[in-house]
C-alpha atoms as a PDB file:
ATOM      1  CA  MET A   1      80.559  65.836  99.119  1.00  0.00           C
ATOM      2  CA  GLU A   2      81.412  67.917  96.077  1.00  0.00           C
ATOM      3  CA  CYS A   3      79.512  67.321  92.859  1.00  0.00           C
ATOM      4  CA  VAL A   4      81.899  67.833  89.928  1.00  0.00           C
ATOM      5  CA  SER A   5      81.006  67.977  86.253  1.00  0.00           C
ATOM      6  CA  HIS A   6      83.276  69.163  83.458  1.00  0.00           C
ATOM      7  CA  GLN A   7      82.387  72.047  81.194  1.00  0.00           C
ATOM      8  CA  GLU A   8      83.713  72.608  77.707  1.00  0.00           C
ATOM      9  CA  GLN A   9      86.272  75.404  77.331  1.00  0.00           C
ATOM     10  CA  PRO A  10      86.882  76.866  73.859  1.00  0.00           C
ATOM     11  CA  PRO A  11      90.353  75.675  72.799  1.00  0.00           C
ATOM     12  CA  GLY A  12      92.986  78.382  73.033  1.00  0.00           C
ATOM     13  CA  PRO A  13      96.486  78.547  71.613  1.00  0.00           C
ATOM     14  CA  GLU A  14      98.787  75.800  72.806  1.00  0.00           C
ATOM     15  CA  PRO A  15     101.512  76.864  75.269  1.00  0.00           C
ATOM     16  CA  VAL A  16     104.787  77.700  73.532  1.00  0.00           C
ATOM     17  CA  ALA A  17     108.099  76.078  74.457  1.00  0.00           C
ATOM     18  CA  LEU A  18     110.030  79.310  75.039  1.00  0.00           C
ATOM     19  CA  ARG A  19     108.745  82.823  75.417  1.00  0.00           C
ATOM     20  CA  SER A  20     110.559  86.106  75.821  1.00  0.00           C
ATOM     21  CA  VAL A  21     109.504  88.478  78.594  1.00  0.00           C
ATOM     22  CA  ALA A  22     108.746  91.485  76.446  1.00  0.00           C
ATOM     23  CA  SER A  23     106.258  93.620  78.362  1.00  0.00           C
ATOM     24  CA  VAL A  24     106.333  95.659  81.536  1.00  0.00           C
ATOM     25  CA  ASP A  25     103.103  93.956  82.624  1.00  0.00           C
ATOM     26  CA  MET A  26     104.929  90.609  82.607  1.00  0.00           C
ATOM     27  CA  LEU A  27     107.756  92.005  84.731  1.00  0.00           C
ATOM     28  CA  ARG A  28     105.332  93.565  87.209  1.00  0.00           C
ATOM     29  CA  ALA A  29     103.351  90.337  87.419  1.00  0.00           C
ATOM     30  CA  MET A  30     106.506  88.410  88.270  1.00  0.00           C
ATOM     31  CA  ALA A  31     107.708  90.945  90.852  1.00  0.00           C
ATOM     32  CA  ASP A  32     105.783  89.331  93.693  1.00  0.00           C
ATOM     33  CA  PRO A  33     106.701  86.152  95.629  1.00  0.00           C
ATOM     34  CA  THR A  34     103.180  84.726  95.556  1.00  0.00           C
ATOM     35  CA  ARG A  35     102.675  85.312  91.842  1.00  0.00           C
ATOM     36  CA  LEU A  36     106.086  83.867  91.051  1.00  0.00           C
ATOM     37  CA  ALA A  37     105.233  80.780  93.129  1.00  0.00           C
ATOM     38  CA  ILE A  38     101.948  80.365  91.218  1.00  0.00           C
ATOM     39  CA  LEU A  39     103.717  80.739  87.877  1.00  0.00           C
ATOM     40  CA  SER A  40     106.428  78.274  88.901  1.00  0.00           C
ATOM     41  CA  ALA A  41     103.812  75.700  89.917  1.00  0.00           C
ATOM     42  CA  LEU A  42     102.043  76.048  86.575  1.00  0.00           C
ATOM     43  CA  MET A  43     105.336  75.841  84.645  1.00  0.00           C
ATOM     44  CA  GLU A  44     106.603  72.747  86.445  1.00  0.00           C
ATOM     45  CA  ARG A  45     107.977  70.281  83.920  1.00  0.00           C
ATOM     46  CA  HIS A  46     105.718  67.353  83.039  1.00  0.00           C
ATOM     47  CA  ASP A  47     104.634  65.680  79.814  1.00  0.00           C
ATOM     48  CA  ASP A  48     102.013  68.422  79.702  1.00  0.00           C
ATOM     49  CA  LEU A  49     101.959  71.648  81.656  1.00  0.00           C
ATOM     50  CA  PRO A  50      99.846  71.374  84.825  1.00  0.00           C
ATOM     51  CA  VAL A  51      96.237  72.571  84.781  1.00  0.00           C
ATOM     52  CA  MET A  52      95.150  73.692  88.249  1.00  0.00           C
ATOM     53  CA  SER A  53      92.325  75.550  89.942  1.00  0.00           C
ATOM     54  CA  VAL A  54      92.909  78.290  92.493  1.00  0.00           C
ATOM     55  CA  LYS A  55      91.862  75.796  95.175  1.00  0.00           C
ATOM     56  CA  GLU A  56      94.509  73.326  93.984  1.00  0.00           C
ATOM     57  CA  LEU A  57      97.133  76.072  93.802  1.00  0.00           C
ATOM     58  CA  ALA A  58      96.284  77.161  97.347  1.00  0.00           C
ATOM     59  CA  ALA A  59      96.765  73.608  98.619  1.00  0.00           C
ATOM     60  CA  ARG A  60     100.028  73.298  96.697  1.00  0.00           C
ATOM     61  CA  LEU A  61     101.460  76.585  98.016  1.00  0.00           C
ATOM     62  CA  GLY A  62     100.013  76.396 101.516  1.00  0.00           C
ATOM     63  CA  GLN A  63      98.244  79.725 101.022  1.00  0.00           C
ATOM     64  CA  PRO A  64      94.656  80.829 101.710  1.00  0.00           C
ATOM     65  CA  GLN A  65      92.562  80.376  98.575  1.00  0.00           C
ATOM     66  CA  THR A  66      91.032  83.849  98.875  1.00  0.00           C
ATOM     67  CA  LYS A  67      94.510  85.414  98.803  1.00  0.00           C
ATOM     68  CA  LEU A  68      95.373  83.924  95.418  1.00  0.00           C
ATOM     69  CA  TYR A  69      92.527  85.163  93.221  1.00  0.00           C
ATOM     70  CA  ARG A  70      93.901  88.640  92.566  1.00  0.00           C
ATOM     71  CA  HIS A  71      97.376  87.233  91.883  1.00  0.00           C
ATOM     72  CA  VAL A  72      95.979  84.729  89.393  1.00  0.00           C
ATOM     73  CA  ARG A  73      94.030  87.496  87.662  1.00  0.00           C
ATOM     74  CA  GLN A  74      97.166  89.632  87.333  1.00  0.00           C
ATOM     75  CA  LEU A  75      99.152  86.746  85.842  1.00  0.00           C
ATOM     76  CA  GLU A  76      96.306  86.109  83.410  1.00  0.00           C
ATOM     77  CA  ALA A  77      96.076  89.793  82.459  1.00  0.00           C
ATOM     78  CA  ALA A  78      99.832  89.804  81.748  1.00  0.00           C
ATOM     79  CA  GLY A  79      99.403  86.832  79.423  1.00  0.00           C
ATOM     80  CA  LEU A  80     101.573  84.481  81.471  1.00  0.00           C
ATOM     81  CA  ILE A  81      98.733  82.060  82.248  1.00  0.00           C
ATOM     82  CA  ARG A  82      95.315  81.311  80.759  1.00  0.00           C
ATOM     83  CA  VAL A  83      92.057  79.587  81.613  1.00  0.00           C
ATOM     84  CA  ALA A  84      92.521  76.134  80.076  1.00  0.00           C
ATOM     85  CA  ALA A  85      89.373  74.426  81.384  1.00  0.00           C
ATOM     86  CA  THR A  86      86.306  74.952  83.519  1.00  0.00           C
ATOM     87  CA  ARG A  87      84.231  72.576  85.583  1.00  0.00           C
ATOM     88  CA  LEU A  88      81.071  72.792  87.649  1.00  0.00           C
ATOM     89  CA  VAL A  89      81.723  72.118  91.360  1.00  0.00           C
ATOM     90  CA  SER A  90      78.635  72.048  93.597  1.00  0.00           C
ATOM     91  CA  GLY A  91      76.865  74.396  91.208  1.00  0.00           C
ATOM     92  CA  ILE A  92      79.770  76.869  90.959  1.00  0.00           C
ATOM     93  CA  VAL A  93      81.864  77.264  87.821  1.00  0.00           C
ATOM     94  CA  GLU A  94      85.522  76.664  88.695  1.00  0.00           C
ATOM     95  CA  GLN A  95      88.224  77.898  86.326  1.00  0.00           C
ATOM     96  CA  ARG A  96      91.419  75.889  85.883  1.00  0.00           C
ATOM     97  CA  TYR A  97      94.618  77.572  84.766  1.00  0.00           C
ATOM     98  CA  GLN A  98      97.648  76.660  82.687  1.00  0.00           C
ATOM     99  CA  ALA A  99     100.853  78.533  81.850  1.00  0.00           C
ATOM    100  CA  ASN A 100     101.163  79.953  78.351  1.00  0.00           C
ATOM    101  CA  GLN A 101     104.795  78.800  78.062  1.00  0.00           C
ATOM    102  CA  ARG A 102     107.145  76.075  79.284  1.00  0.00           C
ATOM    103  CA  ASP A 103     110.130  78.402  79.762  1.00  0.00           C
ATOM    104  CA  LEU A 104     110.814  82.123  79.873  1.00  0.00           C
ATOM    105  CA  THR A 105     113.807  84.039  78.596  1.00  0.00           C
ATOM    106  CA  PHE A 106     114.835  87.623  79.318  1.00  0.00           C
ATOM    107  CA  ASP A 107     116.234  90.007  76.731  1.00  0.00           C
ATOM    108  CA  GLY A 108     118.969  92.211  78.195  1.00  0.00           C
ATOM    109  CA  GLY A 109     118.076  95.193  76.047  1.00  0.00           C
ATOM    110  CA  PHE A 110     114.442  95.156  77.127  1.00  0.00           C
ATOM    111  CA  LEU A 111     115.408  94.730  80.785  1.00  0.00           C
ATOM    112  CA  ARG A 112     117.715  97.750  80.656  1.00  0.00           C
ATOM    113  CA  GLU A 113     114.968  99.847  79.067  1.00  0.00           C
ATOM    114  CA  HIS A 114     112.772  99.053  82.079  1.00  0.00           C
ATOM    115  CA  ALA A 115     115.408  98.841  84.780  1.00  0.00           C
ATOM    116  CA  ASP A 116     113.165  99.506  87.800  1.00  0.00           C
ATOM    117  CA  GLU A 117     110.579  96.860  86.897  1.00  0.00           C
ATOM    118  CA  SER A 118     113.331  94.420  85.905  1.00  0.00           C
ATOM    119  CA  GLU A 119     115.176  94.911  89.177  1.00  0.00           C
ATOM    120  CA  ALA A 120     111.989  94.276  91.166  1.00  0.00           C
ATOM    121  CA  ALA A 121     111.345  91.019  89.291  1.00  0.00           C
ATOM    122  CA  MET A 122     114.967  89.891  89.605  1.00  0.00           C
ATOM    123  CA  ARG A 123     114.968  90.553  93.354  1.00  0.00           C
ATOM    124  CA  VAL A 124     111.935  88.297  93.812  1.00  0.00           C
ATOM    125  CA  MET A 125     113.503  85.525  91.685  1.00  0.00           C
ATOM    126  CA  LEU A 126     116.799  85.705  93.582  1.00  0.00           C
ATOM    127  CA  GLU A 127     115.006  85.720  96.936  1.00  0.00           C
ATOM    128  CA  ARG A 128     112.965  82.668  95.892  1.00  0.00           C
ATOM    129  CA  PHE A 129     116.157  80.782  95.030  1.00  0.00           C
ATOM    130  CA  ARG A 130     117.800  81.947  98.275  1.00  0.00           C
ATOM    131  CA  ASP A 131     114.889  80.725 100.391  1.00  0.00           C
ATOM    132  CA  GLY A 132     114.871  77.340  98.665  1.00  0.00           C
ATOM    133  CA  PHE A 133     118.632  76.968  98.993  1.00  0.00           C
ATOM    134  CA  VAL A 134     118.625  77.862 102.690  1.00  0.00           C
ATOM    135  CA  ALA A 135     115.804  75.388 103.354  1.00  0.00           C
ATOM    136  CA  ALA A 136     117.785  72.632 101.600  1.00  0.00           C
ATOM    137  CA  PHE A 137     120.955  73.664 103.455  1.00  0.00           C
ATOM    138  CA  ARG A 138     119.181  73.367 106.806  1.00  0.00           C
ATOM    139  CA  ASP A 139     117.555  70.019 105.952  1.00  0.00           C
ATOM    140  CA  LYS A 140     119.307  67.406 108.099  1.00  0.00           C
ATOM    141  CA  GLN A 141     118.513  64.734 105.508  1.00  0.00           C
ATOM    142  CA  LEU A 142     120.720  66.586 103.020  1.00  0.00           C
ATOM    143  CA  ALA A 143     123.649  67.177 105.381  1.00  0.00           C
ATOM    144  CA  PRO A 144     127.072  65.728 104.441  1.00  0.00           C
ATOM    145  CA  GLY A 145     127.231  62.082 105.536  1.00  0.00           C
ATOM    146  CA  ALA A 146     123.470  61.838 105.973  1.00  0.00           C
ATOM    147  CA  MET A 147     122.798  60.584 102.452  1.00  0.00           C
ATOM    148  CA  PRO A 148     124.213  57.706 100.405  1.00  0.00           C
ATOM    149  CA  ASP A 149     126.980  58.593  97.938  1.00  0.00           C
ATOM    150  CA  ALA A 150     124.627  57.586  95.144  1.00  0.00           C
ATOM    151  CA  GLU A 151     122.327  60.460  96.166  1.00  0.00           C
ATOM    152  CA  ALA A 152     125.000  63.147  96.311  1.00  0.00           C
ATOM    153  CA  TYR A 153     123.046  65.004  93.611  1.00  0.00           C
ATOM    154  CA  ARG A 154     120.628  66.067  96.371  1.00  0.00           C
ATOM    155  CA  LYS A 155     123.317  68.027  98.188  1.00  0.00           C
ATOM    156  CA  PRO A 156     122.826  71.811  97.829  1.00  0.00           C
ATOM    157  CA  THR A 157     125.881  73.372  96.207  1.00  0.00           C
ATOM    158  CA  LEU A 158     126.875  77.019  95.983  1.00  0.00           C
ATOM    159  CA  LEU A 159     129.904  78.407  94.153  1.00  0.00           C
ATOM    160  CA  LEU A 160     131.088  81.984  94.343  1.00  0.00           C
ATOM    161  CA  ALA A 161     134.189  82.777  92.304  1.00  0.00           C
ATOM    162  CA  GLU A 162     135.943  86.047  91.590  1.00  0.00           C
ATOM    163  CA  ALA A 163     138.992  86.282  89.359  1.00  0.00           C
ATOM    164  CA  ARG A 164     140.796  88.868  87.274  1.00  0.00           C
ATOM    165  CA  ILE A 165     141.217  87.260  83.870  1.00  0.00           C
ATOM    166  CA  SER A 166     141.903  88.311  80.303  1.00  0.00           C
ATOM    167  CA  PRO A 167     139.025  89.324  78.009  1.00  0.00           C
ATOM    168  CA  ARG A 168     139.642  86.083  76.059  1.00  0.00           C
ATOM    169  CA  ARG A 169     139.237  83.914  79.159  1.00  0.00           C
ATOM    170  CA  ALA A 170     136.203  85.941  80.243  1.00  0.00           C
ATOM    171  CA  GLY A 171     134.685  85.219  76.836  1.00  0.00           C
ATOM    172  CA  GLU A 172     135.333  81.504  77.341  1.00  0.00           C
ATOM    173  CA  VAL A 173     133.624  81.553  80.744  1.00  0.00           C
ATOM    174  CA  TRP A 174     130.612  83.361  79.299  1.00  0.00           C
ATOM    175  CA  GLU A 175     130.321  80.910  76.389  1.00  0.00           C
ATOM    176  CA  LYS A 176     130.531  77.853  78.679  1.00  0.00           C
ATOM    177  CA  LEU A 177     127.800  79.265  80.906  1.00  0.00           C
ATOM    178  CA  GLN A 178     125.630  79.866  77.833  1.00  0.00           C
ATOM    179  CA  GLU A 179     126.197  76.259  76.744  1.00  0.00           C
ATOM    180  CA  LEU A 180     125.235  74.978  80.195  1.00  0.00           C
ATOM    181  CA  GLN A 181     122.119  77.128  80.221  1.00  0.00           C
ATOM    182  CA  LYS A 182     121.037  75.818  76.804  1.00  0.00           C
ATOM    183  CA  TRP A 183     121.717  72.227  77.882  1.00  0.00           C
ATOM    184  CA  LEU A 184     119.628  72.655  81.024  1.00  0.00           C
ATOM    185  CA  GLY A 185     116.805  73.975  78.869  1.00  0.00           C
ATOM    186  CA  THR A 186     116.713  70.732  76.879  1.00  0.00           C
ATOM    187  CA  LEU A 187     116.354  68.429  79.896  1.00  0.00           C
ATOM    188  CA  ASP A 188     112.996  66.726  79.960  1.00  0.00           C
ATOM    189  CA  ASP A 189     113.303  63.198  81.358  1.00  0.00           C
ATOM    190  CA  GLU A 190     109.552  62.845  81.856  1.00  0.00           C
ATOM    191  CA  ASP A 191     110.368  60.705  84.897  1.00  0.00           C
ATOM    192  CA  PRO A 192     107.334  60.392  87.211  1.00  0.00           C
ATOM    193  CA  ASP A 193     109.705  59.547  90.062  1.00  0.00           C
ATOM    194  CA  GLY A 194     112.147  62.337  89.243  1.00  0.00           C
ATOM    195  CA  ILE A 195     113.124  65.112  91.633  1.00  0.00           C
ATOM    196  CA  LEU A 196     112.579  68.831  91.187  1.00  0.00           C
ATOM    197  CA  VAL A 197     115.866  70.748  91.007  1.00  0.00           C
ATOM    198  CA  ASP A 198     116.558  74.483  90.908  1.00  0.00           C
ATOM    199  CA  VAL A 199     119.684  75.827  89.204  1.00  0.00           C
ATOM    200  CA  LEU A 200     120.776  79.463  89.309  1.00  0.00           C
ATOM    201  CA  ILE A 201     123.475  80.642  86.892  1.00  0.00           C
ATOM    202  CA  GLY A 202     124.867  84.140  87.323  1.00  0.00           C
ATOM    203  CA  TYR A 203     127.690  86.063  85.730  1.00  0.00           C
ATOM    204  CA  TYR A 204     128.709  89.681  85.461  1.00  0.00           C
ATOM    205  CA  ALA A 205     131.832  91.640  84.690  1.00  0.00           C
ATOM    206  CA  THR A 206     132.508  94.531  87.054  1.00  0.00           C
ATOM    207  CA  PRO A 207     132.075  97.788  85.119  1.00  0.00           C
ATOM    208  CA  GLU A 208     135.257  99.769  84.609  1.00  0.00           C
ATOM    209  CA  PRO A 209     135.402 103.184  86.316  1.00  0.00           C
ATOM    210  CA  ASP A 210     134.231 106.042  84.114  1.00  0.00           C
ATOM    211  CA  PRO A 211     137.377 108.046  83.240  1.00  0.00           C
ATOM    212  CA  THR A 212     135.290 111.229  83.059  1.00  0.00           C
END
């Protein structure tokens, strides 16, 4: 039986709502599937951001506890998470972590300045979404006809569109995607029975050939 007593932790700065990824250390910290999974767990939307120990994170992610320590330290060193509380468990001080932000945004100019690190981080994020989408796609409970119409929102949906359009129409598409992204960022139902959803929005215009 574990004996648990809480220790006081000096109060740190409150997590911010939105933070820009503005350091190479942040990009490198996010360029690993395990670290991204830890960060995602600590940034999951609730009334308050979760506060979790490495043991709790290991149980949540289905990973060995010993494997996570170095990843947690790297996220902390990059400033993406912090020690929010400590407690004494069977005579051992256990640190509990919290994200330093609710959401992250990426500045295109900074990403281009550090293209290699940015590409590594983006690959991990895209692969995480791919794995989650494929798992949902293979889930028989989410197959067409297997769920009530009222739960159609659970059905995984993927759209890939390619069209040659005028610069004006391309501008309209870009603006609508920006509006959708901003709207998604404001959603916070605080519903204890709500479901966790993942949305990926992507857009790019194919570069024109260099005439030189």
